[in-house]
Amino acid sequence: MEHIRFVGLDIHKQRISAAVAESGRSGSVEYLGDITSDPDAISKLCDRLGRSGKPLAFCYEAGPCGYGVHRQLTSLGHRCDVVALSLIPRKPGDRVKTNRRDATMLARLNRAGELTPVWVPDADHEAMLDTEKTALLLAPDHRP
């Protein structure tokens, strides 16, 4: 069996919280802390985690920050899933939400295979969608 390091990212505009879960049911889950959301910091995180030689499998929640992180990670040769927030299994009554808990939970669920990835548009599709949204915002209101 291939040993993979499963990395959960909680992404925000300025910061990214990261946690890693080692392969296997009893593998440890470690919170790595926060990094800035710039591409250099993400590359350094990949380098640091990749030193072990194990493949990395990233995941993060779909959100307003877009797919830039996904594109960067896949261009570096890593697997990266973007998951819909509504499809992430949660315990009833678990309302405490922190970046640390979210990143750790994503790493653990990614390792367990319990996350459902969403379709990630390529750069051309995303540009087309942005153009369409802009056109709808600029169009005059045609309601009777």
N, C-alpha and C. Protein backbone atom coordinates (compact mmCIF):
# COMPACT_ATOMS: atom_id res chain seq x y z
N MET A 1 0.84 -1.19 0.00
CA MET A 1 0.00 0.00 0.00
C MET A 1 0.89 1.25 0.00
N GLU A 2 0.51 2.20 -0.82
CA GLU A 2 1.28 3.44 -0.93
C GLU A 2 1.00 4.34 0.27
N HIS A 3 2.03 4.89 0.85
CA HIS A 3 1.87 5.80 1.99
C HIS A 3 1.73 7.21 1.44
N ILE A 4 0.62 7.83 1.78
CA ILE A 4 0.29 9.18 1.30
C ILE A 4 0.14 10.08 2.51
N ARG A 5 0.52 11.33 2.35
CA ARG A 5 0.28 12.34 3.38
C ARG A 5 -0.93 13.16 2.92
N PHE A 6 -1.98 13.17 3.72
CA PHE A 6 -3.21 13.87 3.39
C PHE A 6 -3.21 15.23 4.08
N VAL A 7 -3.29 16.29 3.29
CA VAL A 7 -3.16 17.64 3.81
C VAL A 7 -4.50 18.36 3.69
N GLY A 8 -5.01 18.86 4.81
CA GLY A 8 -6.23 19.65 4.83
C GLY A 8 -5.87 21.12 4.96
N LEU A 9 -6.47 21.94 4.10
CA LEU A 9 -6.21 23.38 4.11
C LEU A 9 -7.50 24.13 4.40
N ASP A 10 -7.44 25.08 5.31
CA ASP A 10 -8.55 26.00 5.55
C ASP A 10 -8.09 27.34 4.99
N ILE A 11 -8.67 27.71 3.85
CA ILE A 11 -8.15 28.84 3.07
C ILE A 11 -8.98 30.10 3.31
N HIS A 12 -8.27 31.19 3.58
CA HIS A 12 -8.86 32.52 3.70
C HIS A 12 -8.05 33.47 2.83
N LYS A 13 -8.53 34.68 2.70
CA LYS A 13 -7.88 35.63 1.79
C LYS A 13 -6.41 35.87 2.14
N GLN A 14 -6.10 36.05 3.41
CA GLN A 14 -4.74 36.39 3.83
C GLN A 14 -3.94 35.20 4.37
N ARG A 15 -4.63 34.20 4.94
CA ARG A 15 -3.94 33.11 5.64
C ARG A 15 -4.50 31.77 5.22
N ILE A 16 -3.67 30.74 5.36
CA ILE A 16 -4.08 29.36 5.13
C ILE A 16 -3.65 28.55 6.34
N SER A 17 -4.59 27.83 6.94
CA SER A 17 -4.27 26.91 8.03
C SER A 17 -4.10 25.53 7.43
N ALA A 18 -3.08 24.80 7.88
CA ALA A 18 -2.78 23.49 7.30
C ALA A 18 -2.63 22.43 8.38
N ALA A 19 -3.10 21.23 8.04
CA ALA A 19 -2.93 20.05 8.90
C ALA A 19 -2.62 18.87 8.00
N VAL A 20 -1.89 17.89 8.53
CA VAL A 20 -1.52 16.72 7.74
C VAL A 20 -1.89 15.45 8.51
N ALA A 21 -2.48 14.49 7.78
CA ALA A 21 -2.82 13.18 8.34
C ALA A 21 -1.98 12.14 7.62
N GLU A 22 -1.29 11.34 8.40
CA GLU A 22 -0.48 10.27 7.83
C GLU A 22 -1.38 9.11 7.41
N SER A 23 -0.92 8.31 6.44
CA SER A 23 -1.67 7.15 5.96
C SER A 23 -1.99 6.18 7.08
N GLY A 24 -3.04 5.42 6.89
CA GLY A 24 -3.41 4.38 7.85
C GLY A 24 -4.42 4.87 8.85
N ARG A 25 -5.22 3.94 9.33
CA ARG A 25 -6.27 4.30 10.29
C ARG A 25 -5.73 4.95 11.55
N SER A 26 -4.60 4.46 12.00
CA SER A 26 -4.06 4.98 13.26
C SER A 26 -2.99 6.04 13.04
N GLY A 27 -2.84 6.49 11.79
CA GLY A 27 -1.85 7.52 11.51
C GLY A 27 -2.17 8.81 12.23
N SER A 28 -1.16 9.53 12.61
CA SER A 28 -1.37 10.76 13.38
C SER A 28 -1.90 11.88 12.49
N VAL A 29 -2.59 12.83 13.12
CA VAL A 29 -3.05 14.04 12.45
C VAL A 29 -2.38 15.20 13.19
N GLU A 30 -1.63 16.00 12.44
CA GLU A 30 -0.86 17.08 13.06
C GLU A 30 -1.26 18.42 12.45
N TYR A 31 -1.56 19.37 13.33
CA TYR A 31 -1.82 20.74 12.87
C TYR A 31 -0.47 21.41 12.62
N LEU A 32 -0.30 21.96 11.42
CA LEU A 32 0.99 22.55 11.04
C LEU A 32 1.06 24.04 11.31
N GLY A 33 -0.09 24.69 11.47
CA GLY A 33 -0.10 26.13 11.71
C GLY A 33 -0.59 26.90 10.49
N ASP A 34 -0.35 28.20 10.51
CA ASP A 34 -0.81 29.10 9.45
C ASP A 34 0.36 29.53 8.58
N ILE A 35 0.05 29.74 7.30
CA ILE A 35 0.99 30.35 6.37
C ILE A 35 0.25 31.47 5.67
N THR A 36 0.99 32.36 5.02
CA THR A 36 0.32 33.38 4.22
C THR A 36 -0.20 32.71 2.96
N SER A 37 -1.16 33.34 2.31
CA SER A 37 -1.78 32.71 1.14
C SER A 37 -1.08 33.05 -0.18
N ASP A 38 0.15 33.54 -0.12
CA ASP A 38 0.85 33.85 -1.37
C ASP A 38 1.49 32.57 -1.94
N PRO A 39 1.68 32.50 -3.25
CA PRO A 39 2.21 31.30 -3.90
C PRO A 39 3.55 30.82 -3.37
N ASP A 40 4.44 31.73 -2.97
CA ASP A 40 5.74 31.31 -2.44
C ASP A 40 5.59 30.51 -1.14
N ALA A 41 4.70 30.96 -0.27
CA ALA A 41 4.48 30.25 0.99
C ALA A 41 3.88 28.87 0.74
N ILE A 42 2.99 28.77 -0.24
CA ILE A 42 2.39 27.48 -0.57
C ILE A 42 3.45 26.53 -1.13
N SER A 43 4.34 27.04 -1.97
CA SER A 43 5.43 26.22 -2.51
C SER A 43 6.36 25.73 -1.40
N LYS A 44 6.66 26.61 -0.44
CA LYS A 44 7.52 26.21 0.68
C LYS A 44 6.85 25.12 1.52
N LEU A 45 5.54 25.24 1.72
CA LEU A 45 4.80 24.21 2.46
C LEU A 45 4.90 22.87 1.73
N CYS A 46 4.73 22.89 0.42
CA CYS A 46 4.84 21.65 -0.38
C CYS A 46 6.23 21.05 -0.27
N ASP A 47 7.25 21.90 -0.35
CA ASP A 47 8.63 21.42 -0.23
C ASP A 47 8.87 20.78 1.14
N ARG A 48 8.38 21.44 2.18
CA ARG A 48 8.57 20.94 3.54
C ARG A 48 7.88 19.60 3.74
N LEU A 49 6.64 19.49 3.25
CA LEU A 49 5.88 18.25 3.43
C LEU A 49 6.37 17.14 2.51
N GLY A 50 6.92 17.52 1.37
CA GLY A 50 7.37 16.53 0.39
C GLY A 50 8.74 15.94 0.67
N ARG A 51 9.43 16.44 1.67
CA ARG A 51 10.78 15.93 1.98
C ARG A 51 10.80 14.45 2.31
N SER A 52 9.68 13.95 2.83
CA SER A 52 9.62 12.53 3.21
C SER A 52 9.57 11.62 1.99
N GLY A 53 9.30 12.19 0.83
CA GLY A 53 9.20 11.39 -0.39
C GLY A 53 7.82 10.78 -0.60
N LYS A 54 6.92 10.94 0.36
CA LYS A 54 5.56 10.42 0.22
C LYS A 54 4.74 11.38 -0.64
N PRO A 55 3.84 10.84 -1.48
CA PRO A 55 2.97 11.73 -2.26
C PRO A 55 2.05 12.53 -1.33
N LEU A 56 1.70 13.73 -1.77
CA LEU A 56 0.82 14.61 -1.00
C LEU A 56 -0.55 14.67 -1.68
N ALA A 57 -1.60 14.61 -0.87
CA ALA A 57 -2.97 14.73 -1.36
C ALA A 57 -3.63 15.87 -0.58
N PHE A 58 -3.83 17.00 -1.23
CA PHE A 58 -4.39 18.19 -0.59
C PHE A 58 -5.91 18.22 -0.78
N CYS A 59 -6.58 18.93 0.12
CA CYS A 59 -8.00 19.24 -0.07
C CYS A 59 -8.31 20.54 0.67
N TYR A 60 -9.31 21.24 0.15
CA TYR A 60 -9.81 22.43 0.83
C TYR A 60 -11.25 22.68 0.42
N GLU A 61 -11.96 23.48 1.22
CA GLU A 61 -13.36 23.80 0.95
C GLU A 61 -13.46 24.80 -0.19
N ALA A 62 -14.43 24.56 -1.08
CA ALA A 62 -14.71 25.54 -2.12
C ALA A 62 -15.20 26.82 -1.45
N GLY A 63 -14.80 27.95 -1.99
CA GLY A 63 -15.20 29.21 -1.38
C GLY A 63 -14.85 30.40 -2.25
N PRO A 64 -14.95 31.58 -1.68
CA PRO A 64 -14.75 32.80 -2.46
C PRO A 64 -13.31 33.04 -2.90
N CYS A 65 -12.36 32.29 -2.38
CA CYS A 65 -10.96 32.51 -2.76
C CYS A 65 -10.61 31.87 -4.10
N GLY A 66 -11.54 31.14 -4.69
CA GLY A 66 -11.33 30.62 -6.04
C GLY A 66 -10.49 29.37 -6.10
N TYR A 67 -9.91 29.15 -7.28
CA TYR A 67 -9.21 27.90 -7.56
C TYR A 67 -7.72 28.09 -7.80
N GLY A 68 -7.18 29.24 -7.45
CA GLY A 68 -5.76 29.49 -7.66
C GLY A 68 -4.87 28.53 -6.90
N VAL A 69 -5.24 28.21 -5.68
CA VAL A 69 -4.45 27.27 -4.88
C VAL A 69 -4.49 25.89 -5.53
N HIS A 70 -5.67 25.48 -6.00
CA HIS A 70 -5.81 24.19 -6.69
C HIS A 70 -4.90 24.13 -7.91
N ARG A 71 -4.92 25.17 -8.71
CA ARG A 71 -4.09 25.20 -9.92
C ARG A 71 -2.60 25.14 -9.57
N GLN A 72 -2.21 25.87 -8.53
CA GLN A 72 -0.80 25.85 -8.14
C GLN A 72 -0.38 24.46 -7.66
N LEU A 73 -1.18 23.85 -6.81
CA LEU A 73 -0.81 22.55 -6.26
C LEU A 73 -0.77 21.47 -7.35
N THR A 74 -1.74 21.48 -8.26
CA THR A 74 -1.72 20.48 -9.33
C THR A 74 -0.57 20.73 -10.30
N SER A 75 -0.21 21.99 -10.52
CA SER A 75 0.93 22.27 -11.40
C SER A 75 2.25 21.82 -10.77
N LEU A 76 2.28 21.73 -9.44
CA LEU A 76 3.46 21.23 -8.74
C LEU A 76 3.47 19.70 -8.68
N GLY A 77 2.43 19.07 -9.24
CA GLY A 77 2.38 17.61 -9.31
C GLY A 77 1.66 16.93 -8.16
N HIS A 78 0.91 17.69 -7.36
CA HIS A 78 0.21 17.12 -6.22
C HIS A 78 -1.27 16.95 -6.54
N ARG A 79 -1.88 15.97 -5.90
CA ARG A 79 -3.32 15.80 -6.02
C ARG A 79 -3.98 16.86 -5.13
N CYS A 80 -5.04 17.47 -5.63
CA CYS A 80 -5.76 18.47 -4.84
C CYS A 80 -7.24 18.38 -5.15
N ASP A 81 -8.05 18.15 -4.13
CA ASP A 81 -9.50 18.12 -4.28
C ASP A 81 -10.09 19.36 -3.64
N VAL A 82 -11.05 19.94 -4.33
CA VAL A 82 -11.83 21.04 -3.78
C VAL A 82 -13.19 20.43 -3.42
N VAL A 83 -13.61 20.60 -2.19
CA VAL A 83 -14.84 19.95 -1.73
C VAL A 83 -15.90 20.99 -1.38
N ALA A 84 -17.15 20.61 -1.62
CA ALA A 84 -18.27 21.49 -1.30
C ALA A 84 -18.53 21.45 0.20
N LEU A 85 -18.67 22.60 0.80
CA LEU A 85 -18.92 22.70 2.23
C LEU A 85 -20.16 21.90 2.63
N SER A 86 -21.19 21.93 1.80
CA SER A 86 -22.44 21.24 2.12
C SER A 86 -22.31 19.72 2.09
N LEU A 87 -21.25 19.20 1.47
CA LEU A 87 -21.07 17.75 1.37
C LEU A 87 -20.07 17.19 2.38
N ILE A 88 -19.58 18.04 3.28
CA ILE A 88 -18.62 17.59 4.29
C ILE A 88 -19.40 17.02 5.48
N PRO A 89 -19.14 15.75 5.83
CA PRO A 89 -19.87 15.17 6.98
C PRO A 89 -19.52 15.89 8.28
N ARG A 90 -20.55 16.21 9.05
CA ARG A 90 -20.35 16.89 10.33
C ARG A 90 -21.19 16.19 11.40
N LYS A 91 -20.67 16.20 12.62
CA LYS A 91 -21.41 15.63 13.74
C LYS A 91 -22.53 16.59 14.13
N PRO A 92 -23.70 16.06 14.46
CA PRO A 92 -24.78 16.95 14.92
C PRO A 92 -24.35 17.70 16.17
N GLY A 93 -24.65 18.96 16.21
CA GLY A 93 -24.32 19.78 17.37
C GLY A 93 -22.90 20.31 17.40
N ASP A 94 -22.08 19.92 16.42
CA ASP A 94 -20.69 20.41 16.37
C ASP A 94 -20.68 21.78 15.70
N ARG A 95 -20.80 22.82 16.53
CA ARG A 95 -20.91 24.17 15.98
C ARG A 95 -19.65 25.01 16.18
N VAL A 96 -18.69 24.48 16.91
CA VAL A 96 -17.45 25.22 17.13
C VAL A 96 -16.64 25.16 15.84
N LYS A 97 -16.32 26.32 15.30
CA LYS A 97 -15.62 26.38 14.02
C LYS A 97 -14.38 27.24 14.18
N THR A 98 -13.21 26.60 14.07
CA THR A 98 -11.95 27.34 14.08
C THR A 98 -11.13 26.87 12.89
N ASN A 99 -10.19 27.67 12.47
CA ASN A 99 -9.34 27.29 11.34
C ASN A 99 -8.59 26.00 11.63
N ARG A 100 -8.08 25.88 12.84
CA ARG A 100 -7.33 24.68 13.24
C ARG A 100 -8.21 23.43 13.14
N ARG A 101 -9.41 23.50 13.70
CA ARG A 101 -10.32 22.35 13.67
C ARG A 101 -10.72 22.01 12.24
N ASP A 102 -10.98 23.03 11.42
CA ASP A 102 -11.38 22.78 10.04
C ASP A 102 -10.27 22.10 9.25
N ALA A 103 -9.04 22.59 9.37
CA ALA A 103 -7.92 22.00 8.64
C ALA A 103 -7.68 20.56 9.09
N THR A 104 -7.74 20.32 10.39
CA THR A 104 -7.53 18.98 10.93
C THR A 104 -8.64 18.03 10.47
N MET A 105 -9.89 18.51 10.51
CA MET A 105 -11.02 17.69 10.08
C MET A 105 -10.89 17.34 8.60
N LEU A 106 -10.51 18.32 7.76
CA LEU A 106 -10.37 18.05 6.33
C LEU A 106 -9.28 17.02 6.07
N ALA A 107 -8.16 17.11 6.77
CA ALA A 107 -7.08 16.13 6.59
C ALA A 107 -7.56 14.74 6.98
N ARG A 108 -8.26 14.64 8.09
CA ARG A 108 -8.75 13.34 8.57
C ARG A 108 -9.79 12.75 7.61
N LEU A 109 -10.75 13.56 7.17
CA LEU A 109 -11.78 13.07 6.26
C LEU A 109 -11.21 12.74 4.88
N ASN A 110 -10.21 13.48 4.45
CA ASN A 110 -9.55 13.20 3.18
C ASN A 110 -8.88 11.83 3.25
N ARG A 111 -8.21 11.56 4.35
CA ARG A 111 -7.56 10.26 4.54
C ARG A 111 -8.59 9.13 4.53
N ALA A 112 -9.76 9.37 5.12
CA ALA A 112 -10.81 8.35 5.21
C ALA A 112 -11.57 8.18 3.90
N GLY A 113 -11.36 9.09 2.94
CA GLY A 113 -12.07 9.01 1.67
C GLY A 113 -13.52 9.44 1.76
N GLU A 114 -13.84 10.28 2.74
CA GLU A 114 -15.22 10.69 2.98
C GLU A 114 -15.58 12.05 2.37
N LEU A 115 -14.72 12.59 1.54
CA LEU A 115 -15.00 13.90 0.94
C LEU A 115 -15.38 13.73 -0.53
N THR A 116 -16.33 14.55 -0.98
CA THR A 116 -16.77 14.53 -2.37
C THR A 116 -16.22 15.75 -3.08
N PRO A 117 -15.32 15.56 -4.04
CA PRO A 117 -14.76 16.72 -4.74
C PRO A 117 -15.78 17.33 -5.71
N VAL A 118 -15.64 18.61 -5.95
CA VAL A 118 -16.47 19.30 -6.94
C VAL A 118 -15.65 19.50 -8.21
N TRP A 119 -16.35 19.82 -9.30
CA TRP A 119 -15.68 20.09 -10.57
C TRP A 119 -14.95 21.43 -10.45
N VAL A 120 -13.70 21.43 -10.86
CA VAL A 120 -12.90 22.66 -10.83
C VAL A 120 -12.73 23.14 -12.27
N PRO A 121 -13.26 24.32 -12.59
CA PRO A 121 -13.12 24.82 -13.96
C PRO A 121 -11.67 25.18 -14.27
N ASP A 122 -11.28 24.95 -15.53
CA ASP A 122 -9.95 25.40 -15.93
C ASP A 122 -9.98 26.92 -16.07
N ALA A 123 -8.85 27.53 -16.34
CA ALA A 123 -8.75 28.99 -16.37
C ALA A 123 -9.69 29.59 -17.43
N ASP A 124 -9.83 28.92 -18.59
CA ASP A 124 -10.72 29.44 -19.64
C ASP A 124 -12.18 29.42 -19.20
N HIS A 125 -12.61 28.30 -18.59
CA HIS A 125 -13.99 28.22 -18.11
C HIS A 125 -14.25 29.27 -17.02
N GLU A 126 -13.29 29.44 -16.14
CA GLU A 126 -13.47 30.41 -15.06
C GLU A 126 -13.57 31.83 -15.61
N ALA A 127 -12.78 32.14 -16.62
CA ALA A 127 -12.85 33.47 -17.25
C ALA A 127 -14.21 33.67 -17.91
N MET A 128 -14.72 32.61 -18.56
CA MET A 128 -16.03 32.70 -19.20
C MET A 128 -17.13 32.91 -18.15
N LEU A 129 -17.04 32.20 -17.04
CA LEU A 129 -18.02 32.37 -15.97
C LEU A 129 -17.96 33.77 -15.37
N ASP A 130 -16.76 34.30 -15.19
CA ASP A 130 -16.60 35.66 -14.67
C ASP A 130 -17.20 36.68 -15.62
N THR A 131 -16.98 36.49 -16.92
CA THR A 131 -17.54 37.39 -17.93
C THR A 131 -19.06 37.35 -17.89
N GLU A 132 -19.61 36.15 -17.77
CA GLU A 132 -21.07 36.00 -17.71
C GLU A 132 -21.64 36.68 -16.47
N LYS A 133 -20.99 36.51 -15.32
CA LYS A 133 -21.45 37.16 -14.09
C LYS A 133 -21.41 38.68 -14.22
N THR A 134 -20.34 39.19 -14.82
CA THR A 134 -20.21 40.64 -15.01
C THR A 134 -21.30 41.16 -15.93
N ALA A 135 -21.57 40.43 -17.00
CA ALA A 135 -22.62 40.84 -17.94
C ALA A 135 -23.98 40.88 -17.25
N LEU A 136 -24.25 39.91 -16.40
CA LEU A 136 -25.52 39.90 -15.67
C LEU A 136 -25.62 41.06 -14.69
N LEU A 137 -24.50 41.42 -14.07
CA LEU A 137 -24.51 42.55 -13.14
C LEU A 137 -24.71 43.88 -13.86
N LEU A 138 -24.18 43.98 -15.07
CA LEU A 138 -24.26 45.24 -15.81
C LEU A 138 -25.53 45.37 -16.64
N ALA A 139 -26.23 44.26 -16.87
CA ALA A 139 -27.44 44.30 -17.70
C ALA A 139 -28.53 45.09 -16.99
N PRO A 140 -29.30 45.85 -17.76
CA PRO A 140 -30.41 46.58 -17.14
C PRO A 140 -31.47 45.60 -16.65
N ASP A 141 -32.19 46.02 -15.65
CA ASP A 141 -33.24 45.18 -15.08
C ASP A 141 -34.44 45.19 -16.01
N HIS A 142 -34.85 44.02 -16.49
CA HIS A 142 -35.95 43.93 -17.46
C HIS A 142 -37.24 43.42 -16.85
N ARG A 143 -37.41 43.56 -15.56
CA ARG A 143 -38.65 43.10 -14.94
C ARG A 143 -39.78 44.06 -15.29
N PRO A 144 -41.01 43.49 -15.48
CA PRO A 144 -42.17 44.36 -15.79
C PRO A 144 -42.60 45.22 -14.64
